[in-house]
N, C-alpha and C. Protein backbone atom coordinates (compact mmCIF):
# COMPACT_ATOMS: atom_id res chain seq x y z
N MET A 1 0.82 -1.18 0.00
CA MET A 1 0.00 0.00 0.00
C MET A 1 0.87 1.25 0.00
N ARG A 2 1.97 1.19 0.75
CA ARG A 2 2.88 2.33 0.84
C ARG A 2 3.53 2.57 -0.52
N ASN A 3 3.87 1.50 -1.24
CA ASN A 3 4.49 1.64 -2.56
C ASN A 3 3.54 2.32 -3.54
N VAL A 4 2.26 2.05 -3.42
CA VAL A 4 1.27 2.65 -4.31
C VAL A 4 1.19 4.16 -4.05
N ARG A 5 1.18 4.58 -2.78
CA ARG A 5 1.15 6.00 -2.45
C ARG A 5 2.41 6.69 -2.93
N LEU A 6 3.54 6.05 -2.75
CA LEU A 6 4.81 6.62 -3.17
C LEU A 6 4.87 6.74 -4.68
N SER A 7 4.38 5.75 -5.40
CA SER A 7 4.36 5.80 -6.87
C SER A 7 3.42 6.90 -7.34
N GLY A 8 2.30 7.09 -6.67
CA GLY A 8 1.36 8.17 -7.02
C GLY A 8 1.98 9.53 -6.82
N ALA A 9 2.75 9.69 -5.76
CA ALA A 9 3.41 10.96 -5.49
C ALA A 9 4.44 11.26 -6.57
N TRP A 10 5.20 10.24 -6.98
CA TRP A 10 6.20 10.43 -8.04
C TRP A 10 5.52 10.75 -9.37
N LEU A 11 4.41 10.13 -9.62
CA LEU A 11 3.67 10.40 -10.84
C LEU A 11 3.17 11.85 -10.88
N ILE A 12 2.62 12.31 -9.78
CA ILE A 12 2.13 13.69 -9.71
C ILE A 12 3.29 14.67 -9.85
N ALA A 13 4.41 14.40 -9.18
CA ALA A 13 5.58 15.27 -9.28
C ALA A 13 6.11 15.30 -10.71
N GLY A 14 6.18 14.17 -11.36
CA GLY A 14 6.67 14.10 -12.73
C GLY A 14 5.78 14.86 -13.70
N VAL A 15 4.48 14.69 -13.56
CA VAL A 15 3.54 15.41 -14.43
C VAL A 15 3.65 16.91 -14.18
N SER A 16 3.77 17.30 -12.92
CA SER A 16 3.89 18.72 -12.59
C SER A 16 5.12 19.34 -13.22
N PHE A 17 6.26 18.64 -13.14
CA PHE A 17 7.49 19.16 -13.73
C PHE A 17 7.39 19.22 -15.26
N CYS A 18 6.73 18.24 -15.85
CA CYS A 18 6.55 18.26 -17.31
C CYS A 18 5.70 19.46 -17.73
N VAL A 19 4.62 19.70 -17.01
CA VAL A 19 3.75 20.85 -17.33
C VAL A 19 4.51 22.15 -17.12
N LEU A 20 5.26 22.25 -16.05
CA LEU A 20 6.05 23.46 -15.79
C LEU A 20 7.08 23.68 -16.89
N GLY A 21 7.77 22.63 -17.30
CA GLY A 21 8.74 22.73 -18.39
C GLY A 21 8.08 23.15 -19.69
N PHE A 22 6.93 22.59 -19.98
CA PHE A 22 6.20 22.95 -21.20
C PHE A 22 5.82 24.43 -21.18
N LEU A 23 5.33 24.90 -20.04
CA LEU A 23 4.94 26.30 -19.94
C LEU A 23 6.14 27.24 -20.06
N LEU A 24 7.26 26.84 -19.50
CA LEU A 24 8.46 27.67 -19.61
C LEU A 24 8.98 27.73 -21.04
N VAL A 25 8.87 26.64 -21.77
CA VAL A 25 9.37 26.60 -23.15
C VAL A 25 8.44 27.34 -24.10
N THR A 26 7.15 27.16 -23.93
CA THR A 26 6.20 27.73 -24.88
C THR A 26 5.66 29.09 -24.46
N GLY A 27 5.87 29.50 -23.22
CA GLY A 27 5.32 30.76 -22.73
C GLY A 27 6.08 31.96 -23.27
N GLN A 28 5.56 33.12 -22.98
CA GLN A 28 6.21 34.35 -23.40
C GLN A 28 7.48 34.55 -22.59
N PRO A 29 8.52 35.02 -23.26
CA PRO A 29 9.78 35.23 -22.53
C PRO A 29 9.65 36.42 -21.58
N PHE A 30 10.37 36.34 -20.50
CA PHE A 30 10.41 37.45 -19.56
C PHE A 30 11.28 38.55 -20.16
N THR A 31 10.78 39.75 -20.13
CA THR A 31 11.59 40.88 -20.58
C THR A 31 11.88 41.73 -19.36
N ALA A 32 13.13 41.83 -19.05
CA ALA A 32 13.53 42.64 -17.91
C ALA A 32 13.34 44.10 -18.27
N LYS A 33 12.55 44.77 -17.49
CA LYS A 33 12.26 46.17 -17.76
C LYS A 33 13.10 47.02 -16.82
N ALA A 34 14.07 47.67 -17.39
CA ALA A 34 14.94 48.52 -16.57
C ALA A 34 14.17 49.76 -16.16
N GLN A 35 14.24 50.05 -14.89
CA GLN A 35 13.54 51.23 -14.41
C GLN A 35 14.43 52.45 -14.56
N GLU A 36 13.86 53.46 -15.15
CA GLU A 36 14.59 54.71 -15.32
C GLU A 36 14.66 55.41 -13.97
N PRO A 37 15.83 55.91 -13.62
CA PRO A 37 15.91 56.59 -12.33
C PRO A 37 15.02 57.83 -12.33
N LYS A 38 14.41 58.09 -11.19
CA LYS A 38 13.53 59.25 -11.08
C LYS A 38 14.37 60.52 -11.17
N ARG A 39 13.82 61.46 -11.89
CA ARG A 39 14.49 62.75 -12.03
C ARG A 39 13.57 63.82 -11.47
N PHE A 40 14.13 64.69 -10.70
CA PHE A 40 13.35 65.74 -10.07
C PHE A 40 13.86 67.10 -10.50
N GLN A 41 12.97 68.06 -10.45
CA GLN A 41 13.33 69.46 -10.63
C GLN A 41 13.13 70.12 -9.27
N TYR A 42 13.95 71.10 -8.98
CA TYR A 42 13.82 71.83 -7.72
C TYR A 42 13.70 73.31 -8.02
N LYS A 43 12.97 73.99 -7.18
CA LYS A 43 12.80 75.43 -7.32
C LYS A 43 12.84 76.03 -5.93
N ILE A 44 13.61 77.10 -5.79
CA ILE A 44 13.73 77.81 -4.51
C ILE A 44 13.20 79.22 -4.71
N ILE A 45 12.25 79.62 -3.87
CA ILE A 45 11.73 80.97 -3.97
C ILE A 45 11.79 81.64 -2.60
N GLU A 46 11.95 82.94 -2.60
CA GLU A 46 11.90 83.72 -1.37
C GLU A 46 10.55 84.41 -1.31
N VAL A 47 9.93 84.39 -0.16
CA VAL A 47 8.61 85.01 0.01
C VAL A 47 8.63 85.94 1.20
N LEU A 48 7.67 86.85 1.22
CA LEU A 48 7.50 87.70 2.39
C LEU A 48 6.93 86.85 3.52
N PRO A 49 7.33 87.10 4.76
CA PRO A 49 6.94 86.21 5.86
C PRO A 49 5.53 86.44 6.41
N ASP A 50 4.59 86.82 5.57
CA ASP A 50 3.23 86.92 6.09
C ASP A 50 2.42 85.71 5.59
N THR A 51 1.46 85.30 6.39
CA THR A 51 0.72 84.07 6.14
C THR A 51 -0.02 84.09 4.82
N GLN A 52 -0.70 85.17 4.51
CA GLN A 52 -1.48 85.24 3.28
C GLN A 52 -0.59 85.11 2.04
N ASN A 53 0.53 85.79 2.02
CA ASN A 53 1.46 85.71 0.89
C ASN A 53 2.01 84.30 0.73
N MET A 54 2.41 83.69 1.84
CA MET A 54 2.96 82.33 1.78
C MET A 54 1.90 81.35 1.29
N GLN A 55 0.68 81.48 1.77
CA GLN A 55 -0.39 80.57 1.37
C GLN A 55 -0.70 80.73 -0.12
N THR A 56 -0.71 81.95 -0.60
CA THR A 56 -0.96 82.19 -2.03
C THR A 56 0.11 81.52 -2.88
N ARG A 57 1.37 81.68 -2.50
CA ARG A 57 2.47 81.08 -3.27
C ARG A 57 2.43 79.56 -3.20
N LEU A 58 2.11 79.01 -2.04
CA LEU A 58 1.99 77.55 -1.90
C LEU A 58 0.90 77.01 -2.83
N ASN A 59 -0.23 77.67 -2.87
CA ASN A 59 -1.33 77.23 -3.73
C ASN A 59 -0.96 77.35 -5.21
N GLU A 60 -0.24 78.41 -5.58
CA GLU A 60 0.18 78.58 -6.98
C GLU A 60 1.10 77.43 -7.41
N PHE A 61 2.10 77.16 -6.60
CA PHE A 61 3.05 76.11 -6.97
C PHE A 61 2.43 74.73 -6.86
N GLY A 62 1.56 74.51 -5.89
CA GLY A 62 0.88 73.23 -5.75
C GLY A 62 -0.01 72.93 -6.95
N ALA A 63 -0.68 73.95 -7.47
CA ALA A 63 -1.54 73.76 -8.64
C ALA A 63 -0.72 73.43 -9.88
N SER A 64 0.55 73.83 -9.89
CA SER A 64 1.43 73.55 -11.03
C SER A 64 2.16 72.23 -10.89
N GLY A 65 1.89 71.49 -9.81
CA GLY A 65 2.51 70.18 -9.64
C GLY A 65 3.75 70.18 -8.77
N TRP A 66 4.07 71.30 -8.16
CA TRP A 66 5.24 71.38 -7.27
C TRP A 66 4.85 70.96 -5.87
N GLU A 67 5.78 70.29 -5.19
CA GLU A 67 5.56 69.85 -3.81
C GLU A 67 6.56 70.55 -2.90
N LEU A 68 6.07 71.15 -1.83
CA LEU A 68 6.95 71.81 -0.88
C LEU A 68 7.71 70.75 -0.09
N VAL A 69 9.05 70.84 -0.08
CA VAL A 69 9.84 69.84 0.63
C VAL A 69 10.58 70.42 1.83
N ALA A 70 10.79 71.75 1.83
CA ALA A 70 11.50 72.36 2.96
C ALA A 70 11.26 73.86 2.97
N VAL A 71 11.42 74.44 4.15
CA VAL A 71 11.38 75.89 4.30
C VAL A 71 12.62 76.26 5.11
N ALA A 72 13.48 77.06 4.49
CA ALA A 72 14.67 77.55 5.17
C ALA A 72 14.33 78.94 5.70
N THR A 73 14.31 79.07 7.03
CA THR A 73 13.86 80.32 7.61
C THR A 73 14.98 81.33 7.82
N GLY A 74 16.17 80.88 8.10
CA GLY A 74 17.27 81.82 8.35
C GLY A 74 16.90 82.81 9.43
N ASP A 75 16.98 84.12 9.10
CA ASP A 75 16.62 85.14 10.08
C ASP A 75 15.15 85.53 9.98
N MET A 76 14.38 84.84 9.16
CA MET A 76 12.94 84.99 8.99
C MET A 76 12.56 86.31 8.33
N THR A 77 13.51 87.00 7.72
CA THR A 77 13.14 88.21 6.99
C THR A 77 12.56 87.83 5.63
N GLU A 78 13.14 86.84 4.97
CA GLU A 78 12.62 86.33 3.70
C GLU A 78 12.80 84.81 3.68
N PRO A 79 11.79 84.07 4.15
CA PRO A 79 11.92 82.61 4.16
C PRO A 79 12.08 82.06 2.74
N ARG A 80 12.86 81.02 2.60
CA ARG A 80 13.04 80.34 1.31
C ARG A 80 12.22 79.06 1.31
N MET A 81 11.37 78.92 0.33
CA MET A 81 10.56 77.72 0.18
C MET A 81 11.17 76.88 -0.94
N ILE A 82 11.41 75.61 -0.64
CA ILE A 82 12.05 74.72 -1.60
C ILE A 82 11.01 73.72 -2.09
N PHE A 83 10.80 73.70 -3.41
CA PHE A 83 9.80 72.85 -4.03
C PHE A 83 10.48 71.78 -4.87
N LYS A 84 9.78 70.68 -5.07
CA LYS A 84 10.28 69.55 -5.89
C LYS A 84 9.17 69.12 -6.81
N LYS A 85 9.53 68.77 -8.03
CA LYS A 85 8.55 68.28 -9.01
C LYS A 85 9.11 67.06 -9.70
């Protein structure tokens, strides 16, 4: 009885490998798709340090697809906003 189970397992394994081999031979070849490195643009602007002016500039650049990534405040007379696209 044990030999019958063992023979059945070998039969299933053999058929599985044959099907896998057939699929690998007849299937579409894998094409390695090289990923292009991401390229970013950066823009630095100086703005007046009042809330309304900063919000207006943020909305303008955001609508154009720019993302704010940093604000360099320095002495806070003219903050620099750094955008990335």
